[in-house]
Amino acid sequence: MKYFSLIAVILFFTLSARAQAGPTETGLPFKIFDTKTGEQMTLRELADHINKTDVLFWGEEHNDSIGHILELKMLKMLHERYDEKLVLSLEMFETDCQVLLDEYLGGFINKEKLIKEARAWNNYEDYSSLVDYAKEHKLQVIAANSPRRYNNLMSKRGPKSLDSLGSNSKALIAKLPIYAPKSGDYYKKFVNIMGGENNIHSPNMFASQCLWDATMAKSIEQAISNNKKNGLVMHICGRFHSDEYLGTVAQLQRRNKDRKVLTISCFPAEDFSKPNYEAYENLADFVVLVMKKGE
């Protein structure tokens, strides 16, 4: 952890000093490339590619300290272009905590109360700089995710268990029934990450996973609809939710096939020194490879 804390500090100042560096710049602990062209680029050049887009999905590894620094840098670069038309959407807050998040952004409650009452993640410090930047610049922040209690209920009792929820509760999640077919690439991916079907202890676990995706998609769609013309929603989520244009991306496009989406997959790479770019070409529109400890 000391290694990554130190490298994050170095990275912050290095990025500021090298904002206009060319794509062949060396010595930085990350590499960015366009999966369609194979072109390597700087973070600034990546930001310049994000235009005529409704949603930017930044798929992350939640414990990637370098990735978190890059997210903040990207948010700032996009704010330069979109100003108040930029909206930050976060997997890390659940929809029933939107009021608390708004109260924090408005200065009515402090950070400690937000963390406690909005059930902030244990690593909230990794995201607090994003939220505080939005607070300082009066940007909207969306609590996008499904309340965990509904996912737990679905996993234990099945999708129909949510049918009897009251209207106020249903307003916090995606419209029922949730699209969750046990076939196709996303289901295969889910089974694989669980270590095989024998490790899926409830037949409703995949439906619960899709409730997260569908609710985030609903939250994003509402943010787009409420946003000003030619605005942008930057949605930050675990990359399982957006890699290969599956998960939340697919659920959003089911809601509105005309939504213009760009995806980024950011993660520490085993092959950072000599990347096999072809292995990543189907992950996202852009891939950010981060140097692992010891590289």
C-alpha atoms as a PDB file:
ATOM      1  CA  MET A   1       0.000   0.000   0.000  1.00  0.00           C
ATOM      2  CA  LYS A   2       2.909   2.401   0.728  1.00  0.00           C
ATOM      3  CA  TYR A   3       4.156   1.741  -2.806  1.00  0.00           C
ATOM      4  CA  PHE A   4       0.860   2.752  -4.384  1.00  0.00           C
ATOM      5  CA  SER A   5       0.349   5.735  -2.060  1.00  0.00           C
ATOM      6  CA  LEU A   6       3.747   7.066  -3.076  1.00  0.00           C
ATOM      7  CA  ILE A   7       3.229   6.377  -6.759  1.00  0.00           C
ATOM      8  CA  ALA A   8      -0.208   8.011  -6.654  1.00  0.00           C
ATOM      9  CA  VAL A   9       1.326  11.231  -5.301  1.00  0.00           C
ATOM     10  CA  ILE A  10       4.076  11.132  -7.912  1.00  0.00           C
ATOM     11  CA  LEU A  11       1.512  10.434 -10.612  1.00  0.00           C
ATOM     12  CA  PHE A  12      -0.667  13.392  -9.615  1.00  0.00           C
ATOM     13  CA  PHE A  13       2.140  15.895 -10.061  1.00  0.00           C
ATOM     14  CA  THR A  14       3.604  14.144 -13.079  1.00  0.00           C
ATOM     15  CA  LEU A  15       0.280  14.218 -14.902  1.00  0.00           C
ATOM     16  CA  SER A  16      -0.119  17.915 -14.159  1.00  0.00           C
ATOM     17  CA  ALA A  17       3.333  18.638 -15.537  1.00  0.00           C
ATOM     18  CA  ARG A  18       2.917  16.427 -18.592  1.00  0.00           C
ATOM     19  CA  ALA A  19      -0.652  17.215 -19.559  1.00  0.00           C
ATOM     20  CA  GLN A  20       0.427  17.875 -23.135  1.00  0.00           C
ATOM     21  CA  ALA A  21       2.910  15.014 -23.404  1.00  0.00           C
ATOM     22  CA  GLY A  22       2.873  12.968 -26.588  1.00  0.00           C
ATOM     23  CA  PRO A  23       1.745   9.342 -26.838  1.00  0.00           C
ATOM     24  CA  THR A  24       5.310   8.077 -26.819  1.00  0.00           C
ATOM     25  CA  GLU A  25       6.030   9.655 -23.418  1.00  0.00           C
ATOM     26  CA  THR A  26       7.632   7.041 -21.159  1.00  0.00           C
ATOM     27  CA  GLY A  27       7.955   6.658 -17.417  1.00  0.00           C
ATOM     28  CA  LEU A  28       4.259   6.952 -16.524  1.00  0.00           C
ATOM     29  CA  PRO A  29       2.629   4.021 -14.705  1.00  0.00           C
ATOM     30  CA  PHE A  30      -0.186   3.628 -17.233  1.00  0.00           C
ATOM     31  CA  LYS A  31      -0.736   3.143 -20.970  1.00  0.00           C
ATOM     32  CA  ILE A  32      -3.849   4.137 -22.913  1.00  0.00           C
ATOM     33  CA  PHE A  33      -4.865   2.871 -26.309  1.00  0.00           C
ATOM     34  CA  ASP A  34      -7.783   2.937 -28.706  1.00  0.00           C
ATOM     35  CA  THR A  35      -8.899  -0.662 -29.218  1.00  0.00           C
ATOM     36  CA  LYS A  36     -10.267   0.052 -32.704  1.00  0.00           C
ATOM     37  CA  THR A  37      -7.084   1.530 -34.117  1.00  0.00           C
ATOM     38  CA  GLY A  38      -4.429   0.277 -31.702  1.00  0.00           C
ATOM     39  CA  GLU A  39      -3.266   3.882 -31.309  1.00  0.00           C
ATOM     40  CA  GLN A  40      -1.589   4.717 -28.020  1.00  0.00           C
ATOM     41  CA  MET A  41      -2.515   8.087 -26.548  1.00  0.00           C
ATOM     42  CA  THR A  42      -2.232  10.430 -23.589  1.00  0.00           C
ATOM     43  CA  LEU A  43      -4.997  11.051 -21.078  1.00  0.00           C
ATOM     44  CA  ARG A  44      -5.642  14.430 -22.683  1.00  0.00           C
ATOM     45  CA  GLU A  45      -5.979  12.831 -26.103  1.00  0.00           C
ATOM     46  CA  LEU A  46      -8.382  10.296 -24.618  1.00  0.00           C
ATOM     47  CA  ALA A  47     -10.514  13.131 -23.241  1.00  0.00           C
ATOM     48  CA  ASP A  48     -10.498  14.739 -26.686  1.00  0.00           C
ATOM     49  CA  HIS A  49     -11.968  11.545 -28.164  1.00  0.00           C
ATOM     50  CA  ILE A  50     -14.991  11.807 -25.905  1.00  0.00           C
ATOM     51  CA  ASN A  51     -17.399  13.868 -27.961  1.00  0.00           C
ATOM     52  CA  LYS A  52     -20.879  13.444 -29.371  1.00  0.00           C
ATOM     53  CA  THR A  53     -21.419  10.988 -26.536  1.00  0.00           C
ATOM     54  CA  ASP A  54     -24.245  10.651 -24.025  1.00  0.00           C
ATOM     55  CA  VAL A  55     -22.457   8.404 -21.530  1.00  0.00           C
ATOM     56  CA  LEU A  56     -18.860   7.625 -20.738  1.00  0.00           C
ATOM     57  CA  PHE A  57     -18.478   4.380 -18.803  1.00  0.00           C
ATOM     58  CA  TRP A  58     -15.244   4.251 -16.811  1.00  0.00           C
ATOM     59  CA  GLY A  59     -14.879   0.616 -15.737  1.00  0.00           C
ATOM     60  CA  GLU A  60     -12.424   0.242 -12.884  1.00  0.00           C
ATOM     61  CA  GLU A  61     -10.868  -2.157 -10.447  1.00  0.00           C
ATOM     62  CA  HIS A  62     -12.104  -0.841  -7.107  1.00  0.00           C
ATOM     63  CA  ASN A  63      -8.712  -1.166  -5.394  1.00  0.00           C
ATOM     64  CA  ASP A  64      -6.667   0.455  -8.181  1.00  0.00           C
ATOM     65  CA  SER A  65      -5.194   3.609  -6.630  1.00  0.00           C
ATOM     66  CA  ILE A  66      -3.639   4.787  -9.899  1.00  0.00           C
ATOM     67  CA  GLY A  67      -6.939   4.295 -11.693  1.00  0.00           C
ATOM     68  CA  HIS A  68      -8.669   6.510  -9.116  1.00  0.00           C
ATOM     69  CA  ILE A  69      -6.180   9.310  -9.783  1.00  0.00           C
ATOM     70  CA  LEU A  70      -6.873   9.006 -13.509  1.00  0.00           C
ATOM     71  CA  GLU A  71     -10.629   9.139 -12.949  1.00  0.00           C
ATOM     72  CA  LEU A  72     -10.292  12.469 -11.187  1.00  0.00           C
ATOM     73  CA  LYS A  73      -8.021  13.833 -13.907  1.00  0.00           C
ATOM     74  CA  MET A  74     -10.538  12.750 -16.533  1.00  0.00           C
ATOM     75  CA  LEU A  75     -13.416  14.341 -14.621  1.00  0.00           C
ATOM     76  CA  LYS A  76     -11.528  17.634 -14.536  1.00  0.00           C
ATOM     77  CA  MET A  77     -10.700  17.480 -18.250  1.00  0.00           C
ATOM     78  CA  LEU A  78     -14.313  16.749 -19.152  1.00  0.00           C
ATOM     79  CA  HIS A  79     -15.489  19.559 -16.886  1.00  0.00           C
ATOM     80  CA  GLU A  80     -13.357  21.961 -18.935  1.00  0.00           C
ATOM     81  CA  ARG A  81     -15.413  21.037 -21.988  1.00  0.00           C
ATOM     82  CA  TYR A  82     -18.894  20.385 -20.616  1.00  0.00           C
ATOM     83  CA  ASP A  83     -18.966  22.762 -17.637  1.00  0.00           C
ATOM     84  CA  GLU A  84     -22.298  22.385 -15.773  1.00  0.00           C
ATOM     85  CA  LYS A  85     -23.531  19.913 -18.420  1.00  0.00           C
ATOM     86  CA  LEU A  86     -21.263  17.243 -16.947  1.00  0.00           C
ATOM     87  CA  VAL A  87     -22.922  14.767 -14.565  1.00  0.00           C
ATOM     88  CA  LEU A  88     -21.027  12.287 -12.395  1.00  0.00           C
ATOM     89  CA  SER A  89     -22.775   8.938 -11.853  1.00  0.00           C
ATOM     90  CA  LEU A  90     -21.465   6.459  -9.268  1.00  0.00           C
ATOM     91  CA  GLU A  91     -22.011   2.772  -8.635  1.00  0.00           C
ATOM     92  CA  MET A  92     -20.702   3.457  -5.116  1.00  0.00           C
ATOM     93  CA  PHE A  93     -23.920   5.069  -3.857  1.00  0.00           C
ATOM     94  CA  GLU A  94     -27.379   3.496  -3.841  1.00  0.00           C
ATOM     95  CA  THR A  95     -30.465   5.266  -5.107  1.00  0.00           C
ATOM     96  CA  ASP A  96     -32.120   5.611  -1.704  1.00  0.00           C
ATOM     97  CA  CYS A  97     -29.121   7.708  -0.599  1.00  0.00           C
ATOM     98  CA  GLN A  98     -29.573  10.368  -3.296  1.00  0.00           C
ATOM     99  CA  VAL A  99     -31.076  12.824  -0.816  1.00  0.00           C
ATOM    100  CA  LEU A 100     -28.092  12.442   1.517  1.00  0.00           C
ATOM    101  CA  LEU A 101     -25.669  12.850  -1.363  1.00  0.00           C
ATOM    102  CA  ASP A 102     -27.498  15.997  -2.475  1.00  0.00           C
ATOM    103  CA  GLU A 103     -27.419  17.335   1.082  1.00  0.00           C
ATOM    104  CA  TYR A 104     -23.659  16.835   1.218  1.00  0.00           C
ATOM    105  CA  LEU A 105     -23.171  18.509  -2.160  1.00  0.00           C
ATOM    106  CA  GLY A 106     -25.292  21.395  -0.930  1.00  0.00           C
ATOM    107  CA  GLY A 107     -23.281  21.778   2.271  1.00  0.00           C
ATOM    108  CA  PHE A 108     -26.090  20.740   4.632  1.00  0.00           C
ATOM    109  CA  ILE A 109     -24.315  17.703   6.105  1.00  0.00           C
ATOM    110  CA  ASN A 110     -20.652  16.933   6.627  1.00  0.00           C
ATOM    111  CA  LYS A 111     -18.519  14.153   5.198  1.00  0.00           C
ATOM    112  CA  GLU A 112     -18.744  11.990   8.315  1.00  0.00           C
ATOM    113  CA  LYS A 113     -22.536  12.000   8.225  1.00  0.00           C
ATOM    114  CA  LEU A 114     -22.520  11.207   4.506  1.00  0.00           C
ATOM    115  CA  ILE A 115     -20.220   8.230   5.038  1.00  0.00           C
ATOM    116  CA  LYS A 116     -22.288   6.875   7.920  1.00  0.00           C
ATOM    117  CA  GLU A 117     -25.836   7.489   6.766  1.00  0.00           C
ATOM    118  CA  ALA A 118     -25.329   6.960   3.018  1.00  0.00           C
ATOM    119  CA  ARG A 119     -23.593   3.621   3.651  1.00  0.00           C
ATOM    120  CA  ALA A 120     -20.439   4.718   1.847  1.00  0.00           C
ATOM    121  CA  TRP A 121     -18.018   1.996   0.804  1.00  0.00           C
ATOM    122  CA  ASN A 122     -15.101   1.154   3.087  1.00  0.00           C
ATOM    123  CA  ASN A 123     -12.745   2.688   0.514  1.00  0.00           C
ATOM    124  CA  TYR A 124     -14.791   5.862   0.111  1.00  0.00           C
ATOM    125  CA  GLU A 125     -11.596   7.911   0.380  1.00  0.00           C
ATOM    126  CA  ASP A 126     -10.781   6.630  -3.124  1.00  0.00           C
ATOM    127  CA  TYR A 127     -13.899   8.407  -4.413  1.00  0.00           C
ATOM    128  CA  SER A 128     -14.197  11.377  -2.064  1.00  0.00           C
ATOM    129  CA  SER A 129     -12.021  13.577  -4.291  1.00  0.00           C
ATOM    130  CA  LEU A 130     -14.462  13.031  -7.167  1.00  0.00           C
ATOM    131  CA  VAL A 131     -17.461  13.933  -5.026  1.00  0.00           C
ATOM    132  CA  ASP A 132     -15.679  16.919  -3.484  1.00  0.00           C
ATOM    133  CA  TYR A 133     -14.663  18.207  -6.913  1.00  0.00           C
ATOM    134  CA  ALA A 134     -18.309  17.970  -7.989  1.00  0.00           C
ATOM    135  CA  LYS A 135     -19.331  19.749  -4.792  1.00  0.00           C
ATOM    136  CA  GLU A 136     -16.848  22.568  -5.361  1.00  0.00           C
ATOM    137  CA  HIS A 137     -17.969  23.082  -8.949  1.00  0.00           C
ATOM    138  CA  LYS A 138     -21.692  22.454  -8.372  1.00  0.00           C
ATOM    139  CA  LEU A 139     -21.875  19.375 -10.586  1.00  0.00           C
ATOM    140  CA  GLN A 140     -24.698  16.892 -10.202  1.00  0.00           C
ATOM    141  CA  VAL A 141     -23.743  13.513  -8.734  1.00  0.00           C
ATOM    142  CA  ILE A 142     -26.027  10.496  -9.212  1.00  0.00           C
ATOM    143  CA  ALA A 143     -26.404   7.738  -6.639  1.00  0.00           C
ATOM    144  CA  ALA A 144     -26.924   5.129  -9.321  1.00  0.00           C
ATOM    145  CA  ASN A 145     -26.948   1.672  -7.780  1.00  0.00           C
ATOM    146  CA  SER A 146     -29.756  -0.521  -6.537  1.00  0.00           C
ATOM    147  CA  PRO A 147     -30.195  -0.626  -2.745  1.00  0.00           C
ATOM    148  CA  ARG A 148     -28.483  -3.804  -1.600  1.00  0.00           C
ATOM    149  CA  ARG A 149     -31.481  -4.932   0.461  1.00  0.00           C
ATOM    150  CA  TYR A 150     -33.486  -5.442  -2.731  1.00  0.00           C
ATOM    151  CA  ASN A 151     -30.689  -7.429  -4.338  1.00  0.00           C
ATOM    152  CA  ASN A 152     -30.473  -9.594  -1.231  1.00  0.00           C
ATOM    153  CA  LEU A 153     -34.244 -10.102  -1.256  1.00  0.00           C
ATOM    154  CA  MET A 154     -34.194 -11.121  -4.906  1.00  0.00           C
ATOM    155  CA  SER A 155     -31.260 -13.472  -4.394  1.00  0.00           C
ATOM    156  CA  LYS A 156     -32.960 -15.224  -1.473  1.00  0.00           C
ATOM    157  CA  ARG A 157     -36.582 -15.292  -2.626  1.00  0.00           C
ATOM    158  CA  GLY A 158     -36.489 -14.765  -6.382  1.00  0.00           C
ATOM    159  CA  PRO A 159     -37.482 -11.947  -8.735  1.00  0.00           C
ATOM    160  CA  LYS A 160     -41.180 -12.114  -7.912  1.00  0.00           C
ATOM    161  CA  SER A 161     -40.396 -11.170  -4.313  1.00  0.00           C
ATOM    162  CA  LEU A 162     -40.011  -7.558  -5.465  1.00  0.00           C
ATOM    163  CA  ASP A 163     -43.470  -7.422  -7.040  1.00  0.00           C
ATOM    164  CA  SER A 164     -45.143  -6.695  -3.704  1.00  0.00           C
ATOM    165  CA  LEU A 165     -42.922  -3.697  -2.906  1.00  0.00           C
ATOM    166  CA  GLY A 166     -44.698  -0.375  -2.547  1.00  0.00           C
ATOM    167  CA  SER A 167     -44.511   2.255  -5.262  1.00  0.00           C
ATOM    168  CA  ASN A 168     -41.928   4.326  -3.374  1.00  0.00           C
ATOM    169  CA  SER A 169     -39.661   1.301  -3.093  1.00  0.00           C
ATOM    170  CA  LYS A 170     -40.109   0.320  -6.728  1.00  0.00           C
ATOM    171  CA  ALA A 171     -39.142   3.836  -7.745  1.00  0.00           C
ATOM    172  CA  LEU A 172     -35.656   3.109  -6.378  1.00  0.00           C
ATOM    173  CA  ILE A 173     -34.981   0.237  -8.757  1.00  0.00           C
ATOM    174  CA  ALA A 174     -35.360  -0.586 -12.436  1.00  0.00           C
ATOM    175  CA  LYS A 175     -38.773  -1.421 -13.788  1.00  0.00           C
ATOM    176  CA  LEU A 176     -39.822  -4.995 -13.083  1.00  0.00           C
ATOM    177  CA  PRO A 177     -39.399  -7.644 -14.337  1.00  0.00           C
ATOM    178  CA  ILE A 178     -35.615  -7.437 -14.665  1.00  0.00           C
ATOM    179  CA  TYR A 179     -34.148  -8.727 -17.906  1.00  0.00           C
ATOM    180  CA  ALA A 180     -31.815 -11.528 -16.770  1.00  0.00           C
ATOM    181  CA  PRO A 181     -31.647 -14.421 -19.252  1.00  0.00           C
ATOM    182  CA  LYS A 182     -29.519 -17.376 -18.174  1.00  0.00           C
ATOM    183  CA  SER A 183     -27.845 -17.541 -21.548  1.00  0.00           C
ATOM    184  CA  GLY A 184     -25.527 -15.400 -23.611  1.00  0.00           C
ATOM    185  CA  ASP A 185     -22.156 -13.806 -22.971  1.00  0.00           C
ATOM    186  CA  TYR A 186     -22.987 -11.995 -19.744  1.00  0.00           C
ATOM    187  CA  TYR A 187     -24.334 -15.098 -18.040  1.00  0.00           C
ATOM    188  CA  LYS A 188     -21.279 -17.070 -19.156  1.00  0.00           C
ATOM    189  CA  LYS A 189     -19.049 -14.330 -17.817  1.00  0.00           C
ATOM    190  CA  PHE A 190     -20.927 -14.350 -14.503  1.00  0.00           C
ATOM    191  CA  VAL A 191     -20.623 -18.123 -14.158  1.00  0.00           C
ATOM    192  CA  ASN A 192     -16.919 -17.917 -14.938  1.00  0.00           C
ATOM    193  CA  ILE A 193     -16.188 -15.260 -12.321  1.00  0.00           C
ATOM    194  CA  MET A 194     -18.124 -17.302  -9.762  1.00  0.00           C
ATOM    195  CA  GLY A 195     -15.857 -20.255 -10.488  1.00  0.00           C
ATOM    196  CA  GLY A 196     -18.497 -22.380 -12.214  1.00  0.00           C
ATOM    197  CA  GLU A 197     -22.182 -23.119 -11.738  1.00  0.00           C
ATOM    198  CA  ASN A 198     -21.457 -25.333  -8.726  1.00  0.00           C
ATOM    199  CA  ASN A 199     -20.412 -22.210  -6.823  1.00  0.00           C
ATOM    200  CA  ILE A 200     -23.644 -20.349  -7.565  1.00  0.00           C
ATOM    201  CA  HIS A 201     -25.516 -21.148  -4.362  1.00  0.00           C
ATOM    202  CA  SER A 202     -28.780 -19.479  -5.313  1.00  0.00           C
ATOM    203  CA  PRO A 203     -30.585 -19.800  -8.658  1.00  0.00           C
ATOM    204  CA  ASN A 204     -31.441 -16.123  -8.329  1.00  0.00           C
ATOM    205  CA  MET A 205     -27.903 -14.723  -7.964  1.00  0.00           C
ATOM    206  CA  PHE A 206     -27.616 -13.778 -11.615  1.00  0.00           C
ATOM    207  CA  ALA A 207     -30.979 -12.005 -11.524  1.00  0.00           C
ATOM    208  CA  SER A 208     -29.707 -10.068  -8.512  1.00  0.00           C
ATOM    209  CA  GLN A 209     -26.601  -9.096 -10.486  1.00  0.00           C
ATOM    210  CA  CYS A 210     -28.804  -7.865 -13.329  1.00  0.00           C
ATOM    211  CA  LEU A 211     -30.875  -5.793 -10.900  1.00  0.00           C
ATOM    212  CA  TRP A 212     -27.727  -3.792 -10.138  1.00  0.00           C
ATOM    213  CA  ASP A 213     -27.055  -3.330 -13.848  1.00  0.00           C
ATOM    214  CA  ALA A 214     -30.628  -2.442 -14.757  1.00  0.00           C
ATOM    215  CA  THR A 215     -30.979   0.043 -11.901  1.00  0.00           C
ATOM    216  CA  MET A 216     -27.733   1.781 -12.799  1.00  0.00           C
ATOM    217  CA  ALA A 217     -28.954   1.937 -16.388  1.00  0.00           C
ATOM    218  CA  LYS A 218     -32.210   3.499 -15.221  1.00  0.00           C
ATOM    219  CA  SER A 219     -30.324   6.060 -13.133  1.00  0.00           C
ATOM    220  CA  ILE A 220     -28.076   6.964 -16.056  1.00  0.00           C
ATOM    221  CA  GLU A 221     -31.003   7.254 -18.457  1.00  0.00           C
ATOM    222  CA  GLN A 222     -32.836   9.566 -16.070  1.00  0.00           C
ATOM    223  CA  ALA A 223     -29.707  11.696 -15.703  1.00  0.00           C
ATOM    224  CA  ILE A 224     -29.371  11.976 -19.473  1.00  0.00           C
ATOM    225  CA  SER A 225     -33.029  12.893 -19.878  1.00  0.00           C
ATOM    226  CA  ASN A 226     -32.811  15.540 -17.139  1.00  0.00           C
ATOM    227  CA  ASN A 227     -29.484  16.919 -18.335  1.00  0.00           C
ATOM    228  CA  LYS A 228     -29.051  19.852 -20.654  1.00  0.00           C
ATOM    229  CA  LYS A 229     -28.652  19.327 -24.391  1.00  0.00           C
ATOM    230  CA  ASN A 230     -25.220  18.090 -25.449  1.00  0.00           C
ATOM    231  CA  GLY A 231     -24.308  17.146 -21.876  1.00  0.00           C
ATOM    232  CA  LEU A 232     -22.364  14.102 -20.713  1.00  0.00           C
ATOM    233  CA  VAL A 233     -22.814  11.548 -17.953  1.00  0.00           C
ATOM    234  CA  MET A 234     -19.580  10.028 -16.662  1.00  0.00           C
ATOM    235  CA  HIS A 235     -20.481   6.761 -14.951  1.00  0.00           C
ATOM    236  CA  ILE A 236     -17.884   5.050 -12.764  1.00  0.00           C
ATOM    237  CA  CYS A 237     -18.388   1.395 -11.992  1.00  0.00           C
ATOM    238  CA  GLY A 238     -16.595  -1.877 -11.541  1.00  0.00           C
ATOM    239  CA  ARG A 239     -15.479  -2.942 -14.990  1.00  0.00           C
ATOM    240  CA  PHE A 240     -17.417  -6.194 -14.778  1.00  0.00           C
ATOM    241  CA  HIS A 241     -20.505  -4.010 -15.267  1.00  0.00           C
ATOM    242  CA  SER A 242     -19.252  -2.452 -18.509  1.00  0.00           C
ATOM    243  CA  ASP A 243     -16.513  -4.572 -20.112  1.00  0.00           C
ATOM    244  CA  GLU A 244     -17.398  -6.064 -23.506  1.00  0.00           C
ATOM    245  CA  TYR A 245     -20.412  -3.702 -23.616  1.00  0.00           C
ATOM    246  CA  LEU A 246     -22.305  -6.076 -21.322  1.00  0.00           C
ATOM    247  CA  GLY A 247     -23.975  -5.560 -17.946  1.00  0.00           C
ATOM    248  CA  THR A 248     -25.026  -1.970 -17.364  1.00  0.00           C
ATOM    249  CA  VAL A 249     -24.084  -0.923 -20.893  1.00  0.00           C
ATOM    250  CA  ALA A 250     -26.356  -3.584 -22.397  1.00  0.00           C
ATOM    251  CA  GLN A 251     -29.182  -2.719 -19.996  1.00  0.00           C
ATOM    252  CA  LEU A 252     -28.909   0.963 -20.949  1.00  0.00           C
ATOM    253  CA  GLN A 253     -29.030   0.151 -24.636  1.00  0.00           C
ATOM    254  CA  ARG A 254     -32.079  -2.034 -24.032  1.00  0.00           C
ATOM    255  CA  ARG A 255     -33.778   1.012 -22.569  1.00  0.00           C
ATOM    256  CA  ASN A 256     -32.715   3.274 -25.429  1.00  0.00           C
ATOM    257  CA  LYS A 257     -30.830   1.832 -28.383  1.00  0.00           C
ATOM    258  CA  ASP A 258     -30.016   5.315 -29.653  1.00  0.00           C
ATOM    259  CA  ARG A 259     -27.910   6.289 -26.662  1.00  0.00           C
ATOM    260  CA  LYS A 260     -24.339   7.105 -27.685  1.00  0.00           C
ATOM    261  CA  VAL A 261     -21.950   5.298 -25.371  1.00  0.00           C
ATOM    262  CA  LEU A 262     -18.168   5.121 -25.010  1.00  0.00           C
ATOM    263  CA  THR A 263     -16.485   2.677 -22.658  1.00  0.00           C
ATOM    264  CA  ILE A 264     -13.140   2.642 -20.871  1.00  0.00           C
ATOM    265  CA  SER A 265     -11.666  -0.394 -19.135  1.00  0.00           C
ATOM    266  CA  CYS A 266      -8.945   0.480 -16.609  1.00  0.00           C
ATOM    267  CA  PHE A 267      -7.009  -2.159 -14.690  1.00  0.00           C
ATOM    268  CA  PRO A 268      -3.560  -3.278 -13.503  1.00  0.00           C
ATOM    269  CA  ALA A 269      -2.080  -5.434 -16.272  1.00  0.00           C
ATOM    270  CA  GLU A 270       0.187  -8.453 -15.933  1.00  0.00           C
ATOM    271  CA  ASP A 271       1.681  -7.646 -19.334  1.00  0.00           C
ATOM    272  CA  PHE A 272       2.147  -3.913 -18.714  1.00  0.00           C
ATOM    273  CA  SER A 273       5.743  -3.835 -19.979  1.00  0.00           C
ATOM    274  CA  LYS A 274       4.872  -5.585 -23.266  1.00  0.00           C
ATOM    275  CA  PRO A 275       1.089  -5.444 -23.692  1.00  0.00           C
ATOM    276  CA  ASN A 276      -0.739  -7.914 -25.885  1.00  0.00           C
ATOM    277  CA  TYR A 277      -3.131  -5.300 -27.259  1.00  0.00           C
ATOM    278  CA  GLU A 278      -5.052  -7.809 -29.349  1.00  0.00           C
ATOM    279  CA  ALA A 279      -6.140  -9.593 -26.182  1.00  0.00           C
ATOM    280  CA  TYR A 280      -7.949  -6.441 -25.046  1.00  0.00           C
ATOM    281  CA  GLU A 281      -9.556  -5.275 -28.278  1.00  0.00           C
ATOM    282  CA  ASN A 282     -13.064  -6.452 -27.351  1.00  0.00           C
ATOM    283  CA  LEU A 283     -13.045  -5.101 -23.797  1.00  0.00           C
ATOM    284  CA  ALA A 284     -13.969  -1.494 -24.442  1.00  0.00           C
ATOM    285  CA  ASP A 285     -13.522   1.437 -26.783  1.00  0.00           C
ATOM    286  CA  PHE A 286     -10.424   2.457 -24.843  1.00  0.00           C
ATOM    287  CA  VAL A 287      -8.227   0.459 -22.489  1.00  0.00           C
ATOM    288  CA  VAL A 288      -6.072   1.919 -19.726  1.00  0.00           C
ATOM    289  CA  LEU A 289      -3.393  -0.493 -18.577  1.00  0.00           C
ATOM    290  CA  VAL A 290      -1.948   0.299 -15.159  1.00  0.00           C
ATOM    291  CA  MET A 291       1.461  -0.785 -13.936  1.00  0.00           C
ATOM    292  CA  LYS A 292       1.324  -3.456 -11.251  1.00  0.00           C
ATOM    293  CA  LYS A 293       3.492  -3.401  -8.157  1.00  0.00           C
ATOM    294  CA  GLY A 294       6.991  -4.666  -8.920  1.00  0.00           C
ATOM    295  CA  GLU A 295       6.960  -3.780 -12.632  1.00  0.00           C
END
